[in-house]
Amino acid sequence: GPGKLPLVGKSLGKSVRELKSAVTEDEKAEAKQIA
């Protein structure tokens, strides 16, 4: 519905941002361990 769609989009965007952040942190930690 038109009322919930912006909330769903906002939640989806937040989830994607958190996933990207977690992946970036993991990559940095892995690079540090390799170094």
Full PDB file with SEQRES, HELIX, SHEET, SSBOND, CRYST1, ORIGX, SCALE, CONECT and MASTER records, all heavy atoms in Angstrom:
SEQRES   1 A   35  GLY PRO GLY LYS LEU PRO LEU VAL GLY LYS SER LEU GLY          
SEQRES   2 A   35  LYS SER VAL ARG GLU LEU LYS SER ALA VAL THR GLU ASP          
SEQRES   3 A   35  GLU LYS ALA GLU ALA LYS GLN ILE ALA                          
HELIX    1 AA1 LEU A    5  ILE A   34  1                                  30    
CRYST1    1.000    1.000    1.000  90.00  90.00  90.00 P 1           1          
ORIGX1      1.000000  0.000000  0.000000        0.00000                         
ORIGX2      0.000000  1.000000  0.000000        0.00000                         
ORIGX3      0.000000  0.000000  1.000000        0.00000                         
SCALE1      1.000000  0.000000  0.000000        0.00000                         
SCALE2      0.000000  1.000000  0.000000        0.00000                         
SCALE3      0.000000  0.000000  1.000000        0.00000                         
ATOM      1  N   GLY A   1       0.820  -1.200   0.000  1.00  0.00           N  
ATOM      2  CA  GLY A   1       0.000   0.000   0.000  1.00  0.00           C  
ATOM      3  C   GLY A   1       0.855   1.251   0.000  1.00  0.00           C  
ATOM      4  O   GLY A   1       2.034   1.219   0.346  1.00  0.00           O  
ATOM      5  N   PRO A   2       0.245   2.380  -0.359  1.00  0.00           N  
ATOM      6  CA  PRO A   2       1.014   3.618  -0.479  1.00  0.00           C  
ATOM      7  C   PRO A   2       1.514   4.152   0.866  1.00  0.00           C  
ATOM      8  O   PRO A   2       2.506   4.863   0.920  1.00  0.00           O  
ATOM      9  CB  PRO A   2       0.038   4.595  -1.121  1.00  0.00           C  
ATOM     10  CG  PRO A   2      -1.307   4.031  -0.851  1.00  0.00           C  
ATOM     11  CD  PRO A   2      -1.137   2.542  -0.753  1.00  0.00           C  
ATOM     12  N   GLY A   3       0.873   3.795   1.950  1.00  0.00           N  
ATOM     13  CA  GLY A   3       1.288   4.281   3.258  1.00  0.00           C  
ATOM     14  C   GLY A   3       2.508   3.568   3.798  1.00  0.00           C  
ATOM     15  O   GLY A   3       3.372   4.171   4.428  1.00  0.00           O  
ATOM     16  N   LYS A   4       2.590   2.276   3.559  1.00  0.00           N  
ATOM     17  CA  LYS A   4       3.688   1.471   4.105  1.00  0.00           C  
ATOM     18  C   LYS A   4       4.896   1.403   3.176  1.00  0.00           C  
ATOM     19  O   LYS A   4       5.986   1.085   3.627  1.00  0.00           O  
ATOM     20  CB  LYS A   4       3.213   0.032   4.376  1.00  0.00           C  
ATOM     21  CG  LYS A   4       2.197  -0.103   5.448  1.00  0.00           C  
ATOM     22  CD  LYS A   4       2.868  -0.159   6.783  1.00  0.00           C  
ATOM     23  CE  LYS A   4       1.822  -0.421   7.853  1.00  0.00           C  
ATOM     24  NZ  LYS A   4       2.403  -0.562   9.153  1.00  0.00           N  
ATOM     25  N   LEU A   5       4.724   1.675   1.907  1.00  0.00           N  
ATOM     26  CA  LEU A   5       5.820   1.527   0.949  1.00  0.00           C  
ATOM     27  C   LEU A   5       7.044   2.384   1.297  1.00  0.00           C  
ATOM     28  O   LEU A   5       8.164   1.871   1.239  1.00  0.00           O  
ATOM     29  CB  LEU A   5       5.329   1.815  -0.468  1.00  0.00           C  
ATOM     30  CG  LEU A   5       6.210   1.292  -1.588  1.00  0.00           C  
ATOM     31  CD1 LEU A   5       6.393  -0.203  -1.474  1.00  0.00           C  
ATOM     32  CD2 LEU A   5       5.623   1.642  -2.937  1.00  0.00           C  
ATOM     33  N   PRO A   6       6.898   3.640   1.709  1.00  0.00           N  
ATOM     34  CA  PRO A   6       8.094   4.401   2.103  1.00  0.00           C  
ATOM     35  C   PRO A   6       8.802   3.795   3.315  1.00  0.00           C  
ATOM     36  O   PRO A   6      10.028   3.788   3.388  1.00  0.00           O  
ATOM     37  CB  PRO A   6       7.552   5.795   2.440  1.00  0.00           C  
ATOM     38  CG  PRO A   6       6.272   5.891   1.701  1.00  0.00           C  
ATOM     39  CD  PRO A   6       5.719   4.506   1.666  1.00  0.00           C  
ATOM     40  N   LEU A   7       8.039   3.257   4.253  1.00  0.00           N  
ATOM     41  CA  LEU A   7       8.647   2.620   5.422  1.00  0.00           C  
ATOM     42  C   LEU A   7       9.404   1.358   5.028  1.00  0.00           C  
ATOM     43  O   LEU A   7      10.492   1.093   5.552  1.00  0.00           O  
ATOM     44  CB  LEU A   7       7.571   2.278   6.457  1.00  0.00           C  
ATOM     45  CG  LEU A   7       6.832   3.460   7.070  1.00  0.00           C  
ATOM     46  CD1 LEU A   7       5.698   2.978   7.975  1.00  0.00           C  
ATOM     47  CD2 LEU A   7       7.788   4.343   7.833  1.00  0.00           C  
ATOM     48  N   VAL A   8       8.851   0.602   4.110  1.00  0.00           N  
ATOM     49  CA  VAL A   8       9.524  -0.606   3.632  1.00  0.00           C  
ATOM     50  C   VAL A   8      10.813  -0.225   2.913  1.00  0.00           C  
ATOM     51  O   VAL A   8      11.866  -0.840   3.118  1.00  0.00           O  
ATOM     52  CB  VAL A   8       8.587  -1.428   2.696  1.00  0.00           C  
ATOM     53  CG1 VAL A   8       9.345  -2.545   2.015  1.00  0.00           C  
ATOM     54  CG2 VAL A   8       7.409  -1.969   3.475  1.00  0.00           C  
ATOM     55  N   GLY A   9      10.767   0.803   2.090  1.00  0.00           N  
ATOM     56  CA  GLY A   9      11.959   1.270   1.384  1.00  0.00           C  
ATOM     57  C   GLY A   9      13.028   1.761   2.340  1.00  0.00           C  
ATOM     58  O   GLY A   9      14.211   1.479   2.169  1.00  0.00           O  
ATOM     59  N   LYS A  10      12.599   2.488   3.371  1.00  0.00           N  
ATOM     60  CA  LYS A  10      13.543   2.991   4.369  1.00  0.00           C  
ATOM     61  C   LYS A  10      14.201   1.830   5.113  1.00  0.00           C  
ATOM     62  O   LYS A  10      15.415   1.816   5.317  1.00  0.00           O  
ATOM     63  CB  LYS A  10      12.808   3.897   5.352  1.00  0.00           C  
ATOM     64  CG  LYS A  10      13.687   4.534   6.382  1.00  0.00           C  
ATOM     65  CD  LYS A  10      12.874   5.464   7.285  1.00  0.00           C  
ATOM     66  CE  LYS A  10      13.756   6.078   8.346  1.00  0.00           C  
ATOM     67  NZ  LYS A  10      12.994   6.969   9.231  1.00  0.00           N  
ATOM     68  N   SER A  11      13.426   0.845   5.491  1.00  0.00           N  
ATOM     69  CA  SER A  11      13.963  -0.325   6.199  1.00  0.00           C  
ATOM     70  C   SER A  11      14.925  -1.104   5.312  1.00  0.00           C  
ATOM     71  O   SER A  11      15.981  -1.555   5.770  1.00  0.00           O  
ATOM     72  CB  SER A  11      12.836  -1.239   6.657  1.00  0.00           C  
ATOM     73  OG  SER A  11      12.004  -0.589   7.570  1.00  0.00           O  
ATOM     74  N   LEU A  12      14.560  -1.259   4.059  1.00  0.00           N  
ATOM     75  CA  LEU A  12      15.413  -1.968   3.117  1.00  0.00           C  
ATOM     76  C   LEU A  12      16.729  -1.222   2.916  1.00  0.00           C  
ATOM     77  O   LEU A  12      17.805  -1.826   2.922  1.00  0.00           O  
ATOM     78  CB  LEU A  12      14.694  -2.158   1.782  1.00  0.00           C  
ATOM     79  CG  LEU A  12      15.425  -2.945   0.714  1.00  0.00           C  
ATOM     80  CD1 LEU A  12      15.666  -4.375   1.193  1.00  0.00           C  
ATOM     81  CD2 LEU A  12      14.628  -2.959  -0.573  1.00  0.00           C  
ATOM     82  N   GLY A  13      16.663   0.087   2.771  1.00  0.00           N  
ATOM     83  CA  GLY A  13      17.866   0.892   2.619  1.00  0.00           C  
ATOM     84  C   GLY A  13      18.773   0.803   3.836  1.00  0.00           C  
ATOM     85  O   GLY A  13      19.996   0.691   3.718  1.00  0.00           O  
ATOM     86  N   LYS A  14      18.170   0.830   5.016  1.00  0.00           N  
ATOM     87  CA  LYS A  14      18.948   0.719   6.255  1.00  0.00           C  
ATOM     88  C   LYS A  14      19.633  -0.641   6.338  1.00  0.00           C  
ATOM     89  O   LYS A  14      20.797  -0.747   6.717  1.00  0.00           O  
ATOM     90  CB  LYS A  14      18.036   0.926   7.459  1.00  0.00           C  
ATOM     91  CG  LYS A  14      18.754   0.937   8.773  1.00  0.00           C  
ATOM     92  CD  LYS A  14      17.806   1.208   9.928  1.00  0.00           C  
ATOM     93  CE  LYS A  14      18.543   1.159  11.244  1.00  0.00           C  
ATOM     94  NZ  LYS A  14      17.648   1.367  12.383  1.00  0.00           N  
ATOM     95  N   SER A  15      18.916  -1.685   5.950  1.00  0.00           N  
ATOM     96  CA  SER A  15      19.493  -3.030   5.974  1.00  0.00           C  
ATOM     97  C   SER A  15      20.668  -3.149   5.011  1.00  0.00           C  
ATOM     98  O   SER A  15      21.698  -3.740   5.351  1.00  0.00           O  
ATOM     99  CB  SER A  15      18.431  -4.066   5.604  1.00  0.00           C  
ATOM    100  OG  SER A  15      17.384  -4.046   6.538  1.00  0.00           O  
ATOM    101  N   VAL A  16      20.525  -2.593   3.834  1.00  0.00           N  
ATOM    102  CA  VAL A  16      21.607  -2.638   2.839  1.00  0.00           C  
ATOM    103  C   VAL A  16      22.824  -1.871   3.347  1.00  0.00           C  
ATOM    104  O   VAL A  16      23.957  -2.333   3.219  1.00  0.00           O  
ATOM    105  CB  VAL A  16      21.124  -2.092   1.475  1.00  0.00           C  
ATOM    106  CG1 VAL A  16      22.293  -1.884   0.524  1.00  0.00           C  
ATOM    107  CG2 VAL A  16      20.103  -3.029   0.867  1.00  0.00           C  
ATOM    108  N   ARG A  17      22.590  -0.696   3.962  1.00  0.00           N  
ATOM    109  CA  ARG A  17      23.692   0.097   4.517  1.00  0.00           C  
ATOM    110  C   ARG A  17      24.428  -0.671   5.606  1.00  0.00           C  
ATOM    111  O   ARG A  17      25.663  -0.680   5.655  1.00  0.00           O  
ATOM    112  CB  ARG A  17      23.157   1.401   5.095  1.00  0.00           C  
ATOM    113  CG  ARG A  17      23.547   2.612   4.298  1.00  0.00           C  
ATOM    114  CD  ARG A  17      23.047   3.917   4.904  1.00  0.00           C  
ATOM    115  NE  ARG A  17      21.650   4.124   4.504  1.00  0.00           N  
ATOM    116  CZ  ARG A  17      20.622   4.212   5.338  1.00  0.00           C  
ATOM    117  NH1 ARG A  17      20.783   4.173   6.619  1.00  0.00           N  
ATOM    118  NH2 ARG A  17      19.402   4.372   4.875  1.00  0.00           N  
ATOM    119  N   GLU A  18      23.677  -1.327   6.502  1.00  0.00           N  
ATOM    120  CA  GLU A  18      24.299  -2.094   7.581  1.00  0.00           C  
ATOM    121  C   GLU A  18      25.088  -3.279   7.024  1.00  0.00           C  
ATOM    122  O   GLU A  18      26.163  -3.601   7.523  1.00  0.00           O  
ATOM    123  CB  GLU A  18      23.239  -2.576   8.560  1.00  0.00           C  
ATOM    124  CG  GLU A  18      22.659  -1.457   9.404  1.00  0.00           C  
ATOM    125  CD  GLU A  18      21.537  -1.921  10.312  1.00  0.00           C  
ATOM    126  OE1 GLU A  18      21.198  -3.123  10.315  1.00  0.00           O  
ATOM    127  OE2 GLU A  18      20.984  -1.067  11.027  1.00  0.00           O  
ATOM    128  N   LEU A  19      24.557  -3.923   5.996  1.00  0.00           N  
ATOM    129  CA  LEU A  19      25.252  -5.044   5.373  1.00  0.00           C  
ATOM    130  C   LEU A  19      26.564  -4.572   4.744  1.00  0.00           C  
ATOM    131  O   LEU A  19      27.608  -5.201   4.926  1.00  0.00           O  
ATOM    132  CB  LEU A  19      24.368  -5.716   4.328  1.00  0.00           C  
ATOM    133  CG  LEU A  19      24.993  -6.879   3.570  1.00  0.00           C  
ATOM    134  CD1 LEU A  19      25.285  -8.026   4.531  1.00  0.00           C  
ATOM    135  CD2 LEU A  19      24.090  -7.342   2.458  1.00  0.00           C  
ATOM    136  N   LYS A  20      26.525  -3.455   4.017  1.00  0.00           N  
ATOM    137  CA  LYS A  20      27.738  -2.905   3.410  1.00  0.00           C  
ATOM    138  C   LYS A  20      28.767  -2.566   4.477  1.00  0.00           C  
ATOM    139  O   LYS A  20      29.961  -2.832   4.323  1.00  0.00           O  
ATOM    140  CB  LYS A  20      27.418  -1.633   2.614  1.00  0.00           C  
ATOM    141  CG  LYS A  20      26.907  -1.862   1.232  1.00  0.00           C  
ATOM    142  CD  LYS A  20      26.736  -0.520   0.542  1.00  0.00           C  
ATOM    143  CE  LYS A  20      26.524  -0.674  -0.918  1.00  0.00           C  
ATOM    144  NZ  LYS A  20      26.391   0.634  -1.600  1.00  0.00           N  
ATOM    145  N   SER A  21      28.307  -1.966   5.563  1.00  0.00           N  
ATOM    146  CA  SER A  21      29.208  -1.591   6.649  1.00  0.00           C  
ATOM    147  C   SER A  21      29.860  -2.827   7.257  1.00  0.00           C  
ATOM    148  O   SER A  21      31.065  -2.845   7.510  1.00  0.00           O  
ATOM    149  CB  SER A  21      28.432  -0.824   7.723  1.00  0.00           C  
ATOM    150  OG  SER A  21      29.237  -0.572   8.837  1.00  0.00           O  
ATOM    151  N   ALA A  22      29.082  -3.871   7.478  1.00  0.00           N  
ATOM    152  CA  ALA A  22      29.619  -5.107   8.058  1.00  0.00           C  
ATOM    153  C   ALA A  22      30.634  -5.757   7.121  1.00  0.00           C  
ATOM    154  O   ALA A  22      31.687  -6.233   7.562  1.00  0.00           O  
ATOM    155  CB  ALA A  22      28.492  -6.076   8.366  1.00  0.00           C  
ATOM    156  N   VAL A  23      30.339  -5.760   5.839  1.00  0.00           N  
ATOM    157  CA  VAL A  23      31.257  -6.348   4.866  1.00  0.00           C  
ATOM    158  C   VAL A  23      32.561  -5.557   4.816  1.00  0.00           C  
ATOM    159  O   VAL A  23      33.644  -6.133   4.796  1.00  0.00           O  
ATOM    160  CB  VAL A  23      30.600  -6.419   3.468  1.00  0.00           C  
ATOM    161  CG1 VAL A  23      31.618  -6.741   2.401  1.00  0.00           C  
ATOM    162  CG2 VAL A  23      29.484  -7.450   3.469  1.00  0.00           C  
ATOM    163  N   THR A  24      32.458  -4.234   4.837  1.00  0.00           N  
ATOM    164  CA  THR A  24      33.651  -3.385   4.812  1.00  0.00           C  
ATOM    165  C   THR A  24      34.507  -3.614   6.050  1.00  0.00           C  
ATOM    166  O   THR A  24      35.731  -3.736   5.952  1.00  0.00           O  
ATOM    167  CB  THR A  24      33.246  -1.903   4.716  1.00  0.00           C  
ATOM    168  OG1 THR A  24      32.455  -1.721   3.550  1.00  0.00           O  
ATOM    169  CG2 THR A  24      34.461  -1.003   4.645  1.00  0.00           C  
ATOM    170  N   GLU A  25      33.869  -3.679   7.218  1.00  0.00           N  
ATOM    171  CA  GLU A  25      34.607  -3.935   8.452  1.00  0.00           C  
ATOM    172  C   GLU A  25      35.308  -5.289   8.398  1.00  0.00           C  
ATOM    173  O   GLU A  25      36.457  -5.423   8.822  1.00  0.00           O  
ATOM    174  CB  GLU A  25      33.668  -3.884   9.656  1.00  0.00           C  
ATOM    175  CG  GLU A  25      33.202  -2.494  10.017  1.00  0.00           C  
ATOM    176  CD  GLU A  25      32.214  -2.499  11.157  1.00  0.00           C  
ATOM    177  OE1 GLU A  25      32.122  -3.515  11.885  1.00  0.00           O  
ATOM    178  OE2 GLU A  25      31.523  -1.486  11.327  1.00  0.00           O  
ATOM    179  N   ASP A  26      34.619  -6.292   7.869  1.00  0.00           N  
ATOM    180  CA  ASP A  26      35.195  -7.628   7.756  1.00  0.00           C  
ATOM    181  C   ASP A  26      36.391  -7.627   6.813  1.00  0.00           C  
ATOM    182  O   ASP A  26      37.416  -8.250   7.095  1.00  0.00           O  
ATOM    183  CB  ASP A  26      34.137  -8.619   7.285  1.00  0.00           C  
ATOM    184  CG  ASP A  26      34.617 -10.052   7.340  1.00  0.00           C  
ATOM    185  OD1 ASP A  26      35.226 -10.420   8.363  1.00  0.00           O  
ATOM    186  OD2 ASP A  26      34.381 -10.792   6.362  1.00  0.00           O  
ATOM    187  N   GLU A  27      36.272  -6.923   5.692  1.00  0.00           N  
ATOM    188  CA  GLU A  27      37.381  -6.848   4.736  1.00  0.00           C  
ATOM    189  C   GLU A  27      38.584  -6.153   5.352  1.00  0.00           C  
ATOM    190  O   GLU A  27      39.727  -6.564   5.149  1.00  0.00           O  
ATOM    191  CB  GLU A  27      36.931  -6.122   3.467  1.00  0.00           C  
ATOM    192  CG  GLU A  27      35.997  -6.929   2.594  1.00  0.00           C  
ATOM    193  CD  GLU A  27      35.468  -6.151   1.413  1.00  0.00           C  
ATOM    194  OE1 GLU A  27      35.618  -4.898   1.373  1.00  0.00           O  
ATOM    195  OE2 GLU A  27      34.891  -6.781   0.519  1.00  0.00           O  
ATOM    196  N   LYS A  28      38.345  -5.086   6.124  1.00  0.00           N  
ATOM    197  CA  LYS A  28      39.444  -4.370   6.776  1.00  0.00           C  
ATOM    198  C   LYS A  28      40.133  -5.259   7.806  1.00  0.00           C  
ATOM    199  O   LYS A  28      41.360  -5.284   7.894  1.00  0.00           O  
ATOM    200  CB  LYS A  28      38.935  -3.099   7.449  1.00  0.00           C  
ATOM    201  CG  LYS A  28      38.600  -1.992   6.485  1.00  0.00           C  
ATOM    202  CD  LYS A  28      38.105  -0.759   7.214  1.00  0.00           C  
ATOM    203  CE  LYS A  28      37.726   0.347   6.241  1.00  0.00           C  
ATOM    204  NZ  LYS A  28      37.215   1.533   6.957  1.00  0.00           N  
ATOM    205  N   ALA A  29      39.337  -5.995   8.579  1.00  0.00           N  
ATOM    206  CA  ALA A  29      39.905  -6.890   9.590  1.00  0.00           C  
ATOM    207  C   ALA A  29      40.728  -7.997   8.921  1.00  0.00           C  
ATOM    208  O   ALA A  29      41.814  -8.349   9.398  1.00  0.00           O  
ATOM    209  CB  ALA A  29      38.797  -7.491  10.441  1.00  0.00           C  
ATOM    210  N   GLU A  30      40.229  -8.524   7.821  1.00  0.00           N  
ATOM    211  CA  GLU A  30      40.939  -9.574   7.097  1.00  0.00           C  
ATOM    212  C   GLU A  30      42.256  -9.040   6.522  1.00  0.00           C  
ATOM    213  O   GLU A  30      43.294  -9.706   6.609  1.00  0.00           O  
ATOM    214  CB  GLU A  30      40.066 -10.121   5.975  1.00  0.00           C  
ATOM    215  CG  GLU A  30      40.662 -11.305   5.265  1.00  0.00           C  
ATOM    216  CD  GLU A  30      39.746 -11.878   4.199  1.00  0.00           C  
ATOM    217  OE1 GLU A  30      38.556 -11.553   4.187  1.00  0.00           O  
ATOM    218  OE2 GLU A  30      40.242 -12.659   3.379  1.00  0.00           O  
ATOM    219  N   ALA A  31      42.224  -7.844   5.961  1.00  0.00           N  
ATOM    220  CA  ALA A  31      43.442  -7.243   5.411  1.00  0.00           C  
ATOM    221  C   ALA A  31      44.474  -7.002   6.515  1.00  0.00           C  
ATOM    222  O   ALA A  31      45.677  -7.209   6.312  1.00  0.00           O  
ATOM    223  CB  ALA A  31      43.104  -5.935   4.703  1.00  0.00           C  
ATOM    224  N   LYS A  32      44.005  -6.589   7.681  1.00  0.00           N  
ATOM    225  CA  LYS A  32      44.903  -6.364   8.811  1.00  0.00           C  
ATOM    226  C   LYS A  32      45.554  -7.676   9.254  1.00  0.00           C  
ATOM    227  O   LYS A  32      46.747  -7.731   9.529  1.00  0.00           O  
ATOM    228  CB  LYS A  32      44.126  -5.740   9.967  1.00  0.00           C  
ATOM    229  CG  LYS A  32      44.978  -5.346  11.135  1.00  0.00           C  
ATOM    230  CD  LYS A  32      44.149  -4.659  12.207  1.00  0.00           C  
ATOM    231  CE  LYS A  32      44.998  -4.290  13.404  1.00  0.00           C  
ATOM    232  NZ  LYS A  32      44.207  -3.628  14.457  1.00  0.00           N  
ATOM    233  N   GLN A  33      44.763  -8.750   9.306  1.00  0.00           N  
ATOM    234  CA  GLN A  33      45.296 -10.057   9.690  1.00  0.00           C  
ATOM    235  C   GLN A  33      46.328 -10.544   8.677  1.00  0.00           C  
ATOM    236  O   GLN A  33      47.364 -11.103   9.043  1.00  0.00           O  
ATOM    237  CB  GLN A  33      44.176 -11.084   9.829  1.00  0.00           C  
ATOM    238  CG  GLN A  33      43.318 -10.873  11.046  1.00  0.00           C  
ATOM    239  CD  GLN A  33      42.158 -11.860  11.121  1.00  0.00           C  
ATOM    240  OE1 GLN A  33      41.848 -12.545  10.148  1.00  0.00           O  
ATOM    241  NE2 GLN A  33      41.517 -11.921  12.272  1.00  0.00           N  
ATOM    242  N   ILE A  34      46.067 -10.337   7.402  1.00  0.00           N  
ATOM    243  CA  ILE A  34      47.009 -10.746   6.355  1.00  0.00           C  
ATOM    244  C   ILE A  34      48.309  -9.962   6.489  1.00  0.00           C  
ATOM    245  O   ILE A  34      49.404 -10.524   6.386  1.00  0.00           O  
ATOM    246  CB  ILE A  34      46.373 -10.567   4.956  1.00  0.00           C  
ATOM    247  CG1 ILE A  34      45.257 -11.594   4.753  1.00  0.00           C  
ATOM    248  CG2 ILE A  34      47.423 -10.686   3.863  1.00  0.00           C  
ATOM    249  CD1 ILE A  34      44.432 -11.374   3.505  1.00  0.00           C  
ATOM    250  N   ALA A  35      48.192  -8.653   6.736  1.00  0.00           N  
ATOM    251  CA  ALA A  35      49.385  -7.826   6.889  1.00  0.00           C  
ATOM    252  C   ALA A  35      50.210  -8.276   8.095  1.00  0.00           C  
ATOM    253  O   ALA A  35      51.445  -8.345   8.023  1.00  0.00           O  
ATOM    254  CB  ALA A  35      48.993  -6.363   7.037  1.00  0.00           C  
TER     255      ALA A  35                                                      
MASTER        0    0    0    1    0    0    0    6  254    1    0    3          
END                                                                             
